[in-house]
Structure formats: C-alpha cells, structure tokens
Amino acid sequence: MARIEIDHRSKAETARTGAARHPEKANRPDNPIQRKPAWIRVKAPTHPIYHETRALMRDNKLVTVCEEAACPNIGECWSQRHATMMIMGEICTRACAFCNVATGMPNALDADEPRRVGEAVAKLGLRHVVITSVDRDDLADGGALHFAQTIAAIRASAPETTVEILTPDFLRKPGALEVVVEARPDVFNHNLETVPRLYPTIRPGARYYHSLRLLDRAKQLDKTIFTKSGIMVGLGEERIEVQQVMDDLRSAEVDFLTVGQYLQPTVKHAAVARFVEPTEFEDYASMARAKGFLLVSATPLTRSSYHADRDFAALKEARLKALGA
C-alpha cells in the first residue's frame, strides 16, 4: 500500500521526505522547502462538514486527489462538500517531479468503484463533480473504459449532476480518448502542467505536444464538450513561455485555463523557483482573457478543480454570450 511507513523513519520524517510514497526519488538531492509567503498560507480545516465529507469518502472506500496531492484548498472545498475523486487506485505509474501522488506498480482495477463513486456523488448532493485518476500506463487502454463506466454510474445515481473529468494523457493508448469522449462528460480537462522546455525535468514521462493534441482531438470529437487545461507557475518558466502555452491552447480551442502556484510537497520534489506575486496572476488572467479563453482562473491557490461547480456555471454563461455575439 502507498502509505506504509519505512520502519526506521518516523512519521514526520516520512512526510517530510516522501520516502514511502516516492521511492524513485529517494536518491535525489534534497531541495529545501521555502517558507510560503502570506498570500499562500491557509488555515487548518475545522468545519464539521469537512469531517462529514471525509467520513463519507472513508465509508465508501474512495480516494480523493485532494488528499493524495496534498491540495492546500482541501479545508475550504470539503467544508462545502466539494471533493475531487481519484479513481483507479492511489498509486501512479509516472514519477512527475512536482506531484505528491504515490508512485509504483498499481493494484488491479476495482470493478465496483464506479458504482461507489456514483452513490457518493448522490449522497453529497453535488451539482457538479470532478473525477480524476492516476496514470495507468500498465493498462491497455490507460483506464479509459473505467472513466466511461464511472461517468455512466454518476449519470445513473445523480442524473442532475454535471460531470467534469481530469484525465491522464493516454500516451500510446490508441482509441482511449474516443472511449472517454463517447461517455459524454460535460467538461474534458487535461493539464499541460508546465511549459515545453521544463517537461524533461518536471514531467519526464509525458510529451507536451501529445497532451496538446489530446485536447485538440477531444474538441474535434465533440464540439459541445467544454475543454480545460491548467499550468503551474513558479517552476522556472519565463513569461513569454507562458504566453506561448496560452496560444497553443487557444489553437486547440481550449475553453478554460487555470494557472496556479507550484508548491513543493517534499524535499525530494522539484524546488520552487519563486513564489509568483498575486499581481502577476492578475496579469496572466488578463492576458488569457484577451487571447479568447471563455474562462480563466489565475490565482496563487488556483487548482484544476477549485470552485469547479461555480466555474462550470460561468462557462455555460460565457459560451451563451459568445454565441449571442
């Protein structure tokens, strides 16, 4: 299991270094974790609904990216009964330098998971749900059919709920994207994560232009689906590189862009090159809107599924206005 601790390390040391979760990073030199500026810090969750949401996830044996990726917004989101469910287990076959999800060889797929996700969505009374997953390079279809089955289960249990999926890249998985799009999610999200120059060190198992083509192809397959992508800043990218990513995404007709600050999970992960000032995020947001995105979320704490329900309503409204224009 991903969370078993190494015997000779304390819990605190394991959390600091990520040794149990990221054995492939064990021999990397330490990158000291910088003190976060005031605009990044968040309060520990205390709201009773947060604990109710947590209990529901445990009772249904569900995994959330909120916990696995150590999202800073978990307190706020779970207190509003918003959670991003992570399907296909909690062990990823990739070893991205920025990600806190455990890596290794995953277990077999749980055939009952789609049903449990559907029931949890209904119990939470969600208007909008985000479903993501680990990378499953070990599966012939990368988990595409499991995504489709999960979407179908949500439709059956909570027919009024809109569904957003945040998928892996399905690299070298021909036909996988088509299976997912045929399941008719309302939003298809795949994150580019960073600028092309940084892929070899930050996202070595992925290919920038493949991810870009995936988003382009999703829109070609179904023009009614909203497409979405996100990047992190503070990894050493240049402003002009971020502008180019925006242009690439608009060429792929991506509707929604998210931009957030990279936060270093452990000393073995990529170091934060700098903490981007809030005013720079405002500048990125203005730039992206000028390039034609229907919706932009660019703040230090922006994450892919942060305020996803509210943003989906704004997306629909923005599309209607654009069609009217």
Protein backbone atom coordinates (compact mmCIF):
# COMPACT_ATOMS: atom_id res chain seq x y z
CA MET A 1 0.00 0.00 0.00
CA ALA A 2 1.14 3.52 -0.71
CA ARG A 3 1.07 4.78 2.87
CA ILE A 4 3.05 2.07 4.66
CA GLU A 5 5.89 3.74 6.53
CA ILE A 6 9.53 2.65 6.41
CA ASP A 7 10.35 1.12 9.78
CA HIS A 8 13.43 3.17 10.58
CA ARG A 9 11.79 6.53 9.84
CA SER A 10 9.34 8.47 11.97
CA LYS A 11 6.02 9.58 10.55
CA ALA A 12 7.27 13.16 10.47
CA GLU A 13 10.39 12.19 8.55
CA THR A 14 8.38 10.15 6.07
CA ALA A 15 6.03 13.08 5.47
CA ARG A 16 8.99 15.44 5.07
CA THR A 17 10.93 13.35 2.56
CA GLY A 18 8.08 11.42 0.91
CA ALA A 19 10.23 8.27 1.20
CA ALA A 20 7.35 5.77 1.40
CA ARG A 21 5.29 7.44 -1.32
CA HIS A 22 8.12 8.21 -3.73
CA PRO A 23 10.85 5.54 -3.58
CA GLU A 24 12.06 6.55 -7.05
CA LYS A 25 13.03 9.97 -5.66
CA ALA A 26 14.95 8.62 -2.64
CA ASN A 27 18.40 9.17 -4.15
CA ARG A 28 17.73 12.68 -5.39
CA PRO A 29 19.47 15.54 -3.57
CA ASP A 30 17.29 17.43 -1.12
CA ASN A 31 15.65 20.67 -2.20
CA PRO A 32 14.93 22.66 0.97
CA ILE A 33 11.29 23.73 1.23
CA GLN A 34 10.98 27.50 1.28
CA ARG A 35 8.74 29.37 3.69
CA LYS A 36 5.49 30.27 1.97
CA PRO A 37 4.53 33.93 1.63
CA ALA A 38 1.46 35.24 3.43
CA TRP A 39 -0.76 35.00 0.36
CA ILE A 40 -0.21 31.24 0.12
CA ARG A 41 -0.91 30.17 3.69
CA VAL A 42 -4.22 28.52 4.55
CA LYS A 43 -5.85 27.59 7.84
CA ALA A 44 -6.17 24.00 9.05
CA PRO A 45 -9.67 22.58 8.37
CA THR A 46 -12.03 22.60 11.35
CA HIS A 47 -15.54 22.88 9.86
CA PRO A 48 -17.85 19.96 10.83
CA ILE A 49 -18.90 19.43 7.20
CA TYR A 50 -15.24 18.87 6.35
CA HIS A 51 -15.24 15.90 8.72
CA GLU A 52 -18.57 14.66 7.31
CA THR A 53 -17.14 14.72 3.79
CA ARG A 54 -14.00 12.93 4.95
CA ALA A 55 -16.08 10.24 6.67
CA LEU A 56 -18.19 9.72 3.54
CA MET A 57 -15.04 9.14 1.47
CA ARG A 58 -13.78 6.62 4.03
CA ASP A 59 -17.12 4.81 4.29
CA ASN A 60 -17.28 4.39 0.51
CA LYS A 61 -13.58 3.43 0.25
CA LEU A 62 -12.92 6.29 -2.14
CA VAL A 63 -9.65 8.07 -2.89
CA THR A 64 -9.50 11.83 -3.43
CA VAL A 65 -6.82 13.83 -5.17
CA CYS A 66 -7.48 16.46 -2.50
CA GLU A 67 -5.63 14.26 -0.01
CA GLU A 68 -3.25 12.37 -2.27
CA ALA A 69 -1.87 15.51 -3.89
CA ALA A 70 -1.91 17.47 -0.62
CA CYS A 71 -4.10 20.23 -2.04
CA PRO A 72 -3.98 23.44 0.03
CA ASN A 73 -7.69 24.07 -0.59
CA ILE A 74 -8.97 20.86 0.98
CA GLY A 75 -10.38 22.59 4.07
CA GLU A 76 -12.41 25.09 2.08
CA CYS A 77 -13.62 22.63 -0.55
CA TRP A 78 -14.56 19.78 1.77
CA SER A 79 -16.37 22.20 4.07
CA GLN A 80 -18.59 22.97 1.07
CA ARG A 81 -18.97 19.25 0.21
CA HIS A 82 -16.76 19.64 -2.85
CA ALA A 83 -14.28 16.83 -3.45
CA THR A 84 -12.34 15.62 -6.47
CA MET A 85 -12.48 11.84 -6.56
CA MET A 86 -9.46 9.95 -7.85
CA ILE A 87 -10.30 6.64 -9.49
CA MET A 88 -8.20 3.59 -10.40
CA GLY A 89 -6.30 3.48 -7.13
CA GLU A 90 -3.84 5.75 -5.39
CA ILE A 91 -0.58 4.56 -6.99
CA CYS A 92 0.60 6.21 -10.20
CA THR A 93 2.86 4.67 -12.84
CA ARG A 94 4.51 8.03 -13.55
CA ALA A 95 7.06 9.87 -11.41
CA CYS A 96 6.50 13.55 -12.13
CA ALA A 97 8.84 15.83 -10.21
CA PHE A 98 6.01 18.05 -8.94
CA CYS A 99 3.40 15.51 -7.86
CA ASN A 100 2.73 14.12 -4.38
CA VAL A 101 0.64 11.12 -5.51
CA ALA A 102 2.37 7.85 -4.64
CA THR A 103 4.27 6.08 -7.40
CA GLY A 104 4.88 2.41 -8.11
CA MET A 105 3.02 -0.57 -9.54
CA PRO A 106 -0.75 -0.12 -9.07
CA ASN A 107 -3.18 -2.79 -7.97
CA ALA A 108 -5.81 -4.29 -10.27
CA LEU A 109 -8.82 -2.11 -11.05
CA ASP A 110 -11.74 -2.28 -8.63
CA ALA A 111 -14.78 -3.14 -10.76
CA ASP A 112 -17.14 -1.86 -8.07
CA GLU A 113 -15.52 1.57 -7.82
CA PRO A 114 -17.72 3.30 -10.45
CA ARG A 115 -20.86 2.32 -8.52
CA ARG A 116 -19.43 3.61 -5.23
CA VAL A 117 -18.42 6.89 -6.83
CA GLY A 118 -21.92 7.32 -8.26
CA GLU A 119 -23.52 6.67 -4.87
CA ALA A 120 -21.14 9.08 -3.10
CA VAL A 121 -21.95 11.84 -5.59
CA ALA A 122 -25.65 11.30 -4.91
CA LYS A 123 -25.16 11.31 -1.12
CA LEU A 124 -23.16 14.53 -1.26
CA GLY A 125 -25.86 16.12 -3.40
CA LEU A 126 -23.29 17.55 -5.80
CA ARG A 127 -24.37 19.82 -8.63
CA HIS A 128 -21.01 19.28 -10.31
CA VAL A 129 -18.36 16.63 -9.71
CA VAL A 130 -14.74 16.30 -10.81
CA ILE A 131 -13.30 12.84 -11.44
CA THR A 132 -9.58 12.39 -11.96
CA SER A 133 -7.19 9.45 -11.85
CA VAL A 134 -3.63 8.33 -11.50
CA ASP A 135 -1.75 7.48 -14.68
CA ARG A 136 -2.26 3.81 -15.51
CA ASP A 137 0.36 3.03 -18.14
CA ASP A 138 0.02 -0.62 -17.12
CA LEU A 139 -3.48 -0.86 -18.63
CA ALA A 140 -4.05 -1.43 -22.33
CA ASP A 141 -6.49 1.48 -22.55
CA GLY A 142 -4.92 3.61 -19.81
CA GLY A 143 -8.15 3.27 -17.81
CA ALA A 144 -10.40 4.87 -20.45
CA LEU A 145 -13.19 2.30 -20.02
CA HIS A 146 -13.10 2.77 -16.23
CA PHE A 147 -13.58 6.51 -16.75
CA ALA A 148 -16.54 5.81 -19.04
CA GLN A 149 -18.09 3.39 -16.52
CA THR A 150 -17.69 5.95 -13.74
CA ILE A 151 -19.38 8.66 -15.80
CA ALA A 152 -22.25 6.26 -16.55
CA ALA A 153 -22.60 5.36 -12.85
CA ILE A 154 -22.82 9.04 -11.88
CA ARG A 155 -25.45 9.65 -14.56
CA ALA A 156 -27.47 6.74 -13.14
CA SER A 157 -27.20 7.74 -9.46
CA ALA A 158 -27.25 11.52 -9.83
CA PRO A 159 -28.72 12.43 -13.24
CA GLU A 160 -28.81 16.17 -12.47
CA THR A 161 -25.10 16.31 -11.64
CA THR A 162 -22.74 17.63 -14.31
CA VAL A 163 -19.51 15.69 -14.72
CA GLU A 164 -16.01 17.04 -15.23
CA ILE A 165 -13.13 14.66 -15.84
CA LEU A 166 -9.44 15.37 -15.43
CA THR A 167 -7.69 12.63 -17.38
CA PRO A 168 -4.16 11.37 -17.86
CA ASP A 169 -2.62 11.78 -21.30
CA PHE A 170 -3.40 8.24 -22.59
CA LEU A 171 0.06 8.22 -24.16
CA ARG A 172 0.41 5.32 -26.61
CA LYS A 173 -3.18 4.19 -25.89
CA PRO A 174 -4.91 4.36 -29.29
CA GLY A 175 -8.69 4.68 -29.08
CA ALA A 176 -8.70 5.55 -25.37
CA LEU A 177 -9.73 9.18 -25.82
CA GLU A 178 -12.61 8.18 -28.07
CA VAL A 179 -13.98 5.85 -25.35
CA VAL A 180 -13.93 8.65 -22.79
CA VAL A 181 -15.49 11.28 -25.06
CA GLU A 182 -18.26 8.88 -26.12
CA ALA A 183 -19.29 8.74 -22.43
CA ARG A 184 -20.22 12.44 -22.77
CA PRO A 185 -18.60 14.23 -19.84
CA ASP A 186 -19.62 17.87 -19.58
CA VAL A 187 -16.02 19.05 -19.19
CA PHE A 188 -12.89 17.34 -20.51
CA ASN A 189 -9.82 18.51 -18.60
CA HIS A 190 -6.21 17.54 -19.20
CA ASN A 191 -3.44 19.64 -17.69
CA LEU A 192 -0.32 20.63 -19.61
CA GLU A 193 1.18 21.40 -16.17
CA THR A 194 4.19 23.43 -17.38
CA VAL A 195 5.94 24.91 -20.40
CA PRO A 196 7.55 22.60 -23.01
CA ARG A 197 11.15 23.43 -22.00
CA LEU A 198 10.59 22.07 -18.49
CA TYR A 199 8.98 18.76 -19.48
CA PRO A 200 12.21 16.69 -19.34
CA THR A 201 12.74 17.57 -15.67
CA ILE A 202 9.22 18.28 -14.39
CA ARG A 203 7.03 15.89 -16.40
CA PRO A 204 9.51 13.41 -17.91
CA GLY A 205 7.02 10.64 -18.65
CA ALA A 206 4.79 12.91 -20.75
CA ARG A 207 5.07 14.73 -24.07
CA TYR A 208 3.90 18.33 -24.38
CA TYR A 209 2.65 18.11 -27.95
CA HIS A 210 0.86 14.83 -27.33
CA SER A 211 -1.05 16.44 -24.46
CA LEU A 212 -1.87 19.41 -26.66
CA ARG A 213 -3.14 17.11 -29.43
CA LEU A 214 -5.25 15.22 -26.88
CA LEU A 215 -7.12 18.43 -26.01
CA ASP A 216 -7.46 19.36 -29.67
CA ARG A 217 -8.78 15.90 -30.55
CA ALA A 218 -11.32 15.94 -27.69
CA LYS A 219 -12.81 19.14 -29.08
CA GLN A 220 -12.85 17.71 -32.62
CA LEU A 221 -14.69 14.61 -31.43
CA ASP A 222 -17.43 16.59 -29.66
CA LYS A 223 -17.74 20.35 -30.08
CA THR A 224 -20.29 20.54 -27.25
CA ILE A 225 -17.81 19.41 -24.58
CA PHE A 226 -16.05 22.17 -22.69
CA THR A 227 -12.29 21.62 -22.72
CA LYS A 228 -10.00 22.79 -19.97
CA SER A 229 -6.32 22.76 -19.11
CA GLY A 230 -4.02 24.16 -16.46
CA ILE A 231 -0.42 25.04 -15.75
CA MET A 232 1.66 25.72 -12.67
CA VAL A 233 3.98 28.70 -12.38
CA GLY A 234 6.97 29.20 -10.12
CA LEU A 235 8.95 26.32 -11.64
CA GLY A 236 11.39 28.48 -13.57
CA GLU A 237 9.26 29.25 -16.63
CA GLU A 238 9.57 32.57 -18.45
CA ARG A 239 6.65 34.90 -19.09
CA ILE A 240 6.99 34.52 -22.86
CA GLU A 241 6.81 30.72 -22.48
CA VAL A 242 3.53 31.01 -20.56
CA GLN A 243 2.19 33.23 -23.33
CA GLN A 244 3.12 30.58 -25.91
CA VAL A 245 1.31 27.87 -23.92
CA MET A 246 -1.78 30.08 -23.90
CA ASP A 247 -1.54 30.49 -27.67
CA ASP A 248 -1.10 26.74 -28.14
CA LEU A 249 -4.17 26.02 -26.03
CA ARG A 250 -6.27 28.54 -27.93
CA SER A 251 -5.16 26.90 -31.19
CA ALA A 252 -6.62 23.69 -29.74
CA GLU A 253 -9.86 25.58 -28.95
CA VAL A 254 -9.49 25.03 -25.20
CA ASP A 255 -12.23 26.93 -23.36
CA PHE A 256 -10.95 27.24 -19.80
CA LEU A 257 -7.44 27.91 -18.47
CA THR A 258 -6.26 27.58 -14.87
CA VAL A 259 -2.97 28.99 -13.59
CA GLY A 260 -1.74 28.33 -10.05
CA GLN A 261 1.39 28.47 -7.94
CA TYR A 262 3.51 25.32 -7.73
CA LEU A 263 4.02 24.20 -4.13
CA GLN A 264 6.77 21.72 -3.28
CA PRO A 265 5.38 18.63 -1.47
CA THR A 266 8.66 17.24 -0.02
CA VAL A 267 12.39 17.91 -0.14
CA LYS A 268 12.71 15.26 -2.87
CA HIS A 269 10.40 17.10 -5.26
CA ALA A 270 11.26 19.89 -7.68
CA ALA A 271 12.17 23.09 -5.90
CA VAL A 272 10.04 26.22 -6.10
CA ALA A 273 11.99 28.63 -8.31
CA ARG A 274 9.98 31.56 -6.96
CA PHE A 275 6.63 32.49 -5.46
CA VAL A 276 4.71 34.43 -8.08
CA GLU A 277 3.13 37.64 -6.80
CA PRO A 278 -0.70 37.92 -6.88
CA THR A 279 -0.43 40.88 -9.26
CA GLU A 280 1.36 38.66 -11.79
CA PHE A 281 -1.52 36.19 -11.64
CA GLU A 282 -3.90 39.05 -12.38
CA ASP A 283 -1.74 39.92 -15.36
CA TYR A 284 -1.82 36.32 -16.62
CA ALA A 285 -5.60 36.28 -16.24
CA SER A 286 -5.99 39.48 -18.28
CA MET A 287 -3.64 38.14 -20.92
CA ALA A 288 -5.54 34.85 -21.20
CA ARG A 289 -8.93 36.54 -21.47
CA ALA A 290 -7.56 38.74 -24.25
CA LYS A 291 -6.48 35.62 -26.11
CA GLY A 292 -10.06 34.35 -26.15
CA PHE A 293 -10.49 31.81 -23.37
CA LEU A 294 -14.11 31.64 -22.24
CA LEU A 295 -13.00 31.44 -18.62
CA VAL A 296 -9.74 31.94 -16.73
CA SER A 297 -8.81 31.22 -13.12
CA ALA A 298 -5.35 32.52 -12.22
CA THR A 299 -4.51 32.94 -8.54
CA PRO A 300 -1.77 31.53 -6.27
CA LEU A 301 -4.16 28.90 -4.85
CA THR A 302 -5.92 28.02 -8.10
CA ARG A 303 -6.04 24.28 -8.74
CA SER A 304 -7.75 22.33 -11.52
CA SER A 305 -10.93 21.61 -9.62
CA TYR A 306 -11.01 24.61 -7.29
CA HIS A 307 -14.54 26.14 -7.40
CA ALA A 308 -15.31 23.78 -10.29
CA ASP A 309 -19.09 23.90 -9.81
CA ARG A 310 -19.19 27.68 -9.84
CA ASP A 311 -16.81 27.79 -12.80
CA PHE A 312 -18.95 25.38 -14.81
CA ALA A 313 -21.94 27.70 -14.47
CA ALA A 314 -19.74 30.60 -15.59
CA LEU A 315 -18.50 28.56 -18.57
CA LYS A 316 -22.04 27.92 -19.78
CA GLU A 317 -22.92 31.57 -19.42
CA ALA A 318 -19.78 32.67 -21.27
CA ARG A 319 -20.49 30.29 -24.16
CA LEU A 320 -24.04 31.58 -24.48
CA LYS A 321 -22.76 35.15 -24.58
CA ALA A 322 -20.17 34.23 -27.19
CA LEU A 323 -22.78 32.53 -29.36
CA GLY A 324 -25.05 35.50 -28.98
CA ALA A 325 -22.28 37.82 -30.03
